[in-house]
């Protein structure tokens, strides 16, 4: 197995946000990551529909990638929520 191939990338992916990004920017990023996941699922469904099957060796990688998109979207949304709370605590 290639150490730095697709499986490695999908297992070691992280989302690093701009420390100065506001909640709106983070929520926009979350929306974008979740849209990537949505489109990947639609592509997978189309492949199954057209070919009747999917390459069994590639399917776990595709599913792990979709999981990474969802995880990154969730992280963005969580960071946006935390930054909104932080901003509310800051003195005006």
Protein backbone atom coordinates (compact mmCIF):
# COMPACT_ATOMS: atom_id res chain seq x y z
CA UNK A 1 0.00 0.00 0.00
CA UNK A 2 1.24 3.48 -0.90
CA UNK A 3 1.93 5.31 2.38
CA UNK A 4 0.90 8.69 1.00
CA UNK A 5 -1.84 7.55 -1.37
CA UNK A 6 -5.54 8.28 -1.20
CA UNK A 7 -6.21 6.21 1.96
CA UNK A 8 -3.52 8.10 3.86
CA UNK A 9 -4.89 11.45 2.73
CA UNK A 10 -8.46 10.69 3.73
CA UNK A 11 -7.41 9.44 7.18
CA UNK A 12 -5.08 12.36 7.94
CA UNK A 13 -7.08 15.29 6.64
CA UNK A 14 -7.53 18.32 8.86
CA UNK A 15 -9.28 21.62 8.47
CA UNK A 16 -7.25 24.63 9.50
CA UNK A 17 -9.23 27.84 9.51
CA UNK A 18 -7.94 31.35 9.32
CA UNK A 19 -7.63 32.51 12.95
CA UNK A 20 -9.21 35.81 11.92
CA UNK A 21 -12.12 34.20 10.05
CA UNK A 22 -15.48 35.19 11.38
CA UNK A 23 -18.47 32.94 11.90
CA UNK A 24 -19.91 33.82 8.49
CA UNK A 25 -16.73 32.78 6.67
CA UNK A 26 -16.59 29.53 8.65
CA UNK A 27 -20.24 28.76 7.89
CA UNK A 28 -19.56 29.43 4.21
CA UNK A 29 -16.67 26.96 4.37
CA UNK A 30 -18.91 24.41 6.12
CA UNK A 31 -21.50 24.79 3.38
CA UNK A 32 -18.84 24.28 0.73
CA UNK A 33 -17.44 21.10 2.36
CA UNK A 34 -20.93 19.66 2.78
CA UNK A 35 -21.69 20.48 -0.86
CA UNK A 36 -18.56 18.51 -1.85
CA UNK A 37 -19.90 15.54 0.15
CA UNK A 38 -23.32 15.86 -1.47
CA UNK A 39 -21.86 15.94 -4.98
CA UNK A 40 -19.56 12.99 -4.25
CA UNK A 41 -22.55 10.94 -3.06
CA UNK A 42 -24.50 11.89 -6.19
CA UNK A 43 -21.55 10.89 -8.38
CA UNK A 44 -21.26 7.55 -6.60
CA UNK A 45 -25.00 6.96 -7.06
CA UNK A 46 -24.74 7.80 -10.77
CA UNK A 47 -21.81 5.40 -11.21
CA UNK A 48 -23.76 2.60 -9.57
CA UNK A 49 -26.83 3.42 -11.67
CA UNK A 50 -24.88 3.50 -14.96
CA UNK A 51 -22.61 0.52 -14.39
CA UNK A 52 -24.66 -1.54 -11.98
CA UNK A 53 -21.66 -1.79 -9.66
CA UNK A 54 -18.63 0.07 -8.38
CA UNK A 55 -15.01 -1.03 -8.21
CA UNK A 56 -14.89 -2.81 -4.84
CA UNK A 57 -11.28 -1.72 -4.26
CA UNK A 58 -12.09 1.97 -4.81
CA UNK A 59 -15.39 2.06 -2.89
CA UNK A 60 -13.85 2.29 0.61
CA UNK A 61 -11.64 5.17 -0.53
CA UNK A 62 -14.63 6.98 -2.01
CA UNK A 63 -16.64 6.50 1.17
CA UNK A 64 -13.74 7.63 3.37
CA UNK A 65 -13.39 10.74 1.23
CA UNK A 66 -17.06 11.55 1.67
CA UNK A 67 -16.62 11.05 5.41
CA UNK A 68 -13.70 13.50 5.35
CA UNK A 69 -15.82 16.12 3.56
CA UNK A 70 -18.58 15.74 6.14
CA UNK A 71 -16.10 15.84 9.02
CA UNK A 72 -14.49 19.00 7.70
CA UNK A 73 -17.88 20.65 7.23
CA UNK A 74 -18.81 19.71 10.78
CA UNK A 75 -15.54 21.15 12.10
CA UNK A 76 -16.18 24.42 10.28
CA UNK A 77 -19.69 24.67 11.70
CA UNK A 78 -18.40 23.87 15.20
CA UNK A 79 -15.69 26.52 14.94
CA UNK A 80 -18.26 29.04 13.70
CA UNK A 81 -20.46 28.30 16.69
CA UNK A 82 -17.54 28.64 19.12
CA UNK A 83 -16.46 31.94 17.55
CA UNK A 84 -20.01 33.30 17.76
CA UNK A 85 -20.04 32.46 21.47
CA UNK A 86 -16.58 33.97 21.93
CA UNK A 87 -17.64 37.20 20.21
CA UNK A 88 -20.68 37.44 22.48
CA UNK A 89 -18.41 37.24 25.54
CA UNK A 90 -16.08 39.99 24.36
CA UNK A 91 -16.61 43.42 25.92
CA UNK A 92 -18.09 45.93 23.50
